[in-house]
Amino acid sequence: MFELAAKTFVYALEAYAALGLLFAAVFVVAGVQRLDSGAVGARIGFRLLMLPGAVALWPMLLCRWLRGQREPPVERTPHRVVKQP
């Protein structure tokens, strides 16, 4: 029973990574400049640095890309929310 659960977990992890790699290959070529204006005209070094993160976070990036969000969201941390006198 434990072996079946472990194999299922590993297969799911492999599928997630494979889908992430496919998505990331397309995303670093065509998608990153659509989500972040600072990435327009970025060179290959920047795109290679983006690849591991895009593989790991592909569901979130795919949702943002499909929704058409242009800029990264603004942080809503307490130090940004405090009103200045």
N, C-alpha and C. Protein backbone atom coordinates (compact mmCIF):
# COMPACT_ATOMS: atom_id res chain seq x y z
N MET A 1 0.82 -1.20 0.00
CA MET A 1 0.00 0.00 0.00
C MET A 1 0.86 1.26 0.00
N PHE A 2 1.88 1.28 0.87
CA PHE A 2 2.77 2.44 0.93
C PHE A 2 3.55 2.59 -0.37
N GLU A 3 3.94 1.45 -0.96
CA GLU A 3 4.69 1.50 -2.22
C GLU A 3 3.84 2.11 -3.33
N LEU A 4 2.57 1.77 -3.38
CA LEU A 4 1.67 2.32 -4.39
C LEU A 4 1.50 3.82 -4.20
N ALA A 5 1.37 4.25 -2.96
CA ALA A 5 1.24 5.68 -2.68
C ALA A 5 2.51 6.43 -3.06
N ALA A 6 3.67 5.85 -2.77
CA ALA A 6 4.94 6.48 -3.12
C ALA A 6 5.10 6.57 -4.63
N LYS A 7 4.76 5.50 -5.34
CA LYS A 7 4.87 5.52 -6.80
C LYS A 7 3.91 6.55 -7.40
N THR A 8 2.71 6.62 -6.89
CA THR A 8 1.73 7.59 -7.37
C THR A 8 2.23 9.01 -7.16
N PHE A 9 2.80 9.26 -6.00
CA PHE A 9 3.36 10.58 -5.70
C PHE A 9 4.49 10.93 -6.65
N VAL A 10 5.38 9.99 -6.90
CA VAL A 10 6.51 10.23 -7.79
C VAL A 10 6.03 10.47 -9.22
N TYR A 11 5.06 9.69 -9.69
CA TYR A 11 4.51 9.89 -11.04
C TYR A 11 3.83 11.25 -11.15
N ALA A 12 3.12 11.64 -10.12
CA ALA A 12 2.47 12.96 -10.14
C ALA A 12 3.51 14.07 -10.16
N LEU A 13 4.57 13.92 -9.42
CA LEU A 13 5.65 14.90 -9.40
C LEU A 13 6.35 14.97 -10.76
N GLU A 14 6.55 13.82 -11.39
CA GLU A 14 7.15 13.79 -12.72
C GLU A 14 6.24 14.47 -13.75
N ALA A 15 4.95 14.21 -13.67
CA ALA A 15 4.01 14.84 -14.59
C ALA A 15 3.99 16.35 -14.40
N TYR A 16 4.00 16.80 -13.15
CA TYR A 16 4.03 18.22 -12.84
C TYR A 16 5.29 18.87 -13.42
N ALA A 17 6.43 18.21 -13.24
CA ALA A 17 7.69 18.75 -13.76
C ALA A 17 7.72 18.75 -15.28
N ALA A 18 7.18 17.70 -15.91
CA ALA A 18 7.16 17.64 -17.37
C ALA A 18 6.27 18.74 -17.95
N LEU A 19 5.09 18.92 -17.37
CA LEU A 19 4.21 20.00 -17.81
C LEU A 19 4.85 21.36 -17.56
N GLY A 20 5.52 21.48 -16.44
CA GLY A 20 6.21 22.73 -16.12
C GLY A 20 7.32 23.04 -17.09
N LEU A 21 8.06 22.03 -17.50
CA LEU A 21 9.15 22.24 -18.46
C LEU A 21 8.61 22.65 -19.82
N LEU A 22 7.53 22.01 -20.25
CA LEU A 22 6.91 22.40 -21.52
C LEU A 22 6.39 23.83 -21.46
N PHE A 23 5.70 24.16 -20.38
CA PHE A 23 5.19 25.51 -20.22
C PHE A 23 6.32 26.52 -20.16
N ALA A 24 7.35 26.22 -19.38
CA ALA A 24 8.46 27.17 -19.19
C ALA A 24 9.19 27.44 -20.49
N ALA A 25 9.32 26.43 -21.34
CA ALA A 25 10.00 26.64 -22.62
C ALA A 25 9.26 27.68 -23.46
N VAL A 26 7.94 27.60 -23.46
CA VAL A 26 7.14 28.58 -24.21
C VAL A 26 7.11 29.92 -23.48
N PHE A 27 7.00 29.87 -22.17
CA PHE A 27 6.86 31.08 -21.37
C PHE A 27 8.09 31.97 -21.45
N VAL A 28 9.29 31.42 -21.33
CA VAL A 28 10.48 32.26 -21.33
C VAL A 28 10.75 32.86 -22.71
N VAL A 29 10.22 32.24 -23.76
CA VAL A 29 10.39 32.79 -25.10
C VAL A 29 9.33 33.85 -25.40
N ALA A 30 8.07 33.55 -25.10
CA ALA A 30 6.99 34.42 -25.54
C ALA A 30 6.19 35.08 -24.42
N GLY A 31 6.16 34.51 -23.25
CA GLY A 31 5.23 34.98 -22.23
C GLY A 31 5.77 35.95 -21.22
N VAL A 32 7.05 35.87 -20.91
CA VAL A 32 7.57 36.68 -19.81
C VAL A 32 7.48 38.17 -20.11
N GLN A 33 7.70 38.57 -21.36
CA GLN A 33 7.60 40.00 -21.67
C GLN A 33 6.17 40.49 -21.68
N ARG A 34 5.20 39.59 -21.78
CA ARG A 34 3.79 40.00 -21.72
C ARG A 34 3.34 40.23 -20.28
N LEU A 35 3.97 39.53 -19.33
CA LEU A 35 3.59 39.68 -17.93
C LEU A 35 4.38 40.75 -17.20
N ASP A 36 5.58 41.05 -17.68
CA ASP A 36 6.43 42.00 -16.99
C ASP A 36 7.10 42.90 -18.02
N SER A 37 6.77 44.18 -18.02
CA SER A 37 7.32 45.09 -19.01
C SER A 37 8.83 45.26 -18.84
N GLY A 38 9.36 44.99 -17.67
CA GLY A 38 10.79 45.07 -17.45
C GLY A 38 11.57 43.98 -18.16
N ALA A 39 10.88 42.94 -18.61
CA ALA A 39 11.53 41.82 -19.29
C ALA A 39 11.56 41.98 -20.80
N VAL A 40 10.99 43.06 -21.31
CA VAL A 40 10.99 43.28 -22.75
C VAL A 40 12.43 43.48 -23.21
N GLY A 41 12.82 42.72 -24.20
CA GLY A 41 14.18 42.81 -24.74
C GLY A 41 15.23 42.11 -23.88
N ALA A 42 14.80 41.29 -22.95
CA ALA A 42 15.75 40.59 -22.08
C ALA A 42 16.55 39.57 -22.88
N ARG A 43 17.78 39.39 -22.49
CA ARG A 43 18.68 38.48 -23.20
C ARG A 43 18.53 37.06 -22.68
N ILE A 44 19.29 36.16 -23.31
CA ILE A 44 19.20 34.74 -23.02
C ILE A 44 19.58 34.42 -21.56
N GLY A 45 20.51 35.14 -20.99
CA GLY A 45 20.91 34.89 -19.60
C GLY A 45 19.75 35.08 -18.64
N PHE A 46 19.00 36.16 -18.82
CA PHE A 46 17.83 36.41 -17.97
C PHE A 46 16.79 35.32 -18.16
N ARG A 47 16.58 34.92 -19.40
CA ARG A 47 15.57 33.89 -19.68
C ARG A 47 15.98 32.54 -19.09
N LEU A 48 17.26 32.23 -19.11
CA LEU A 48 17.72 30.99 -18.48
C LEU A 48 17.54 31.03 -16.96
N LEU A 49 17.71 32.21 -16.38
CA LEU A 49 17.47 32.35 -14.94
C LEU A 49 15.99 32.21 -14.60
N MET A 50 15.13 32.59 -15.52
CA MET A 50 13.68 32.48 -15.30
C MET A 50 13.17 31.05 -15.42
N LEU A 51 13.89 30.21 -16.14
CA LEU A 51 13.43 28.86 -16.46
C LEU A 51 13.09 28.00 -15.23
N PRO A 52 13.99 27.86 -14.24
CA PRO A 52 13.63 27.00 -13.08
C PRO A 52 12.42 27.49 -12.31
N GLY A 53 12.31 28.80 -12.14
CA GLY A 53 11.15 29.35 -11.44
C GLY A 53 9.86 29.13 -12.21
N ALA A 54 9.94 29.25 -13.53
CA ALA A 54 8.76 29.02 -14.36
C ALA A 54 8.34 27.56 -14.34
N VAL A 55 9.31 26.66 -14.26
CA VAL A 55 8.98 25.23 -14.15
C VAL A 55 8.27 24.96 -12.84
N ALA A 56 8.76 25.54 -11.76
CA ALA A 56 8.18 25.29 -10.44
C ALA A 56 6.83 25.97 -10.25
N LEU A 57 6.68 27.17 -10.79
CA LEU A 57 5.48 27.97 -10.53
C LEU A 57 4.58 28.09 -11.74
N TRP A 58 4.61 27.10 -12.62
CA TRP A 58 3.88 27.21 -13.88
C TRP A 58 2.37 27.37 -13.73
N PRO A 59 1.69 26.77 -12.75
CA PRO A 59 0.24 27.00 -12.67
C PRO A 59 -0.12 28.47 -12.40
N MET A 60 0.64 29.11 -11.50
CA MET A 60 0.37 30.51 -11.18
C MET A 60 0.67 31.40 -12.39
N LEU A 61 1.78 31.15 -13.06
CA LEU A 61 2.14 31.96 -14.22
C LEU A 61 1.16 31.75 -15.37
N LEU A 62 0.70 30.53 -15.56
CA LEU A 62 -0.28 30.25 -16.61
C LEU A 62 -1.58 31.00 -16.34
N CYS A 63 -2.04 31.01 -15.10
CA CYS A 63 -3.27 31.74 -14.75
C CYS A 63 -3.11 33.23 -15.01
N ARG A 64 -1.97 33.80 -14.61
CA ARG A 64 -1.74 35.23 -14.86
C ARG A 64 -1.67 35.53 -16.34
N TRP A 65 -1.06 34.63 -17.10
CA TRP A 65 -0.92 34.82 -18.54
C TRP A 65 -2.29 34.75 -19.22
N LEU A 66 -3.11 33.78 -18.82
CA LEU A 66 -4.44 33.63 -19.41
C LEU A 66 -5.37 34.79 -19.04
N ARG A 67 -5.22 35.32 -17.82
CA ARG A 67 -6.04 36.46 -17.40
C ARG A 67 -5.60 37.76 -18.04
N GLY A 68 -4.40 37.78 -18.59
CA GLY A 68 -3.89 38.97 -19.25
C GLY A 68 -3.35 40.02 -18.31
N GLN A 69 -2.95 39.63 -17.11
CA GLN A 69 -2.35 40.58 -16.18
C GLN A 69 -1.01 41.04 -16.74
N ARG A 70 -0.81 42.33 -16.77
CA ARG A 70 0.38 42.89 -17.40
C ARG A 70 1.54 43.06 -16.43
N GLU A 71 1.32 43.59 -15.28
CA GLU A 71 2.39 43.88 -14.33
C GLU A 71 2.28 42.99 -13.11
N PRO A 72 3.40 42.74 -12.43
CA PRO A 72 3.33 41.95 -11.20
C PRO A 72 2.44 42.65 -10.17
N PRO A 73 1.75 41.89 -9.33
CA PRO A 73 0.88 42.52 -8.34
C PRO A 73 1.69 43.31 -7.32
N VAL A 74 1.08 44.36 -6.80
CA VAL A 74 1.72 45.19 -5.78
C VAL A 74 1.61 44.48 -4.44
N GLU A 75 2.69 44.51 -3.70
CA GLU A 75 2.69 43.89 -2.37
C GLU A 75 1.66 44.57 -1.48
N ARG A 76 1.00 43.79 -0.65
CA ARG A 76 0.06 44.35 0.32
C ARG A 76 0.54 43.99 1.72
N THR A 77 1.76 44.39 2.02
CA THR A 77 2.33 44.13 3.33
C THR A 77 2.06 45.33 4.24
N PRO A 78 2.15 45.14 5.55
CA PRO A 78 1.81 46.24 6.47
C PRO A 78 2.61 47.52 6.25
N HIS A 79 3.88 47.42 5.90
CA HIS A 79 4.66 48.64 5.73
C HIS A 79 4.25 49.41 4.48
N ARG A 80 3.60 48.78 3.51
CA ARG A 80 3.11 49.48 2.32
C ARG A 80 1.70 50.04 2.54
N VAL A 81 0.96 49.44 3.45
CA VAL A 81 -0.42 49.85 3.69
C VAL A 81 -0.51 51.02 4.65
N VAL A 82 0.52 51.24 5.49
CA VAL A 82 0.50 52.31 6.49
C VAL A 82 0.40 53.66 5.78
N LYS A 83 -0.54 54.48 6.25
CA LYS A 83 -0.73 55.81 5.66
C LYS A 83 0.30 56.77 6.23
N GLN A 84 0.89 57.53 5.35
CA GLN A 84 1.88 58.53 5.76
C GLN A 84 1.16 59.82 6.17
N PRO A 85 1.65 60.49 7.22
CA PRO A 85 0.99 61.75 7.66
C PRO A 85 1.23 62.88 6.68
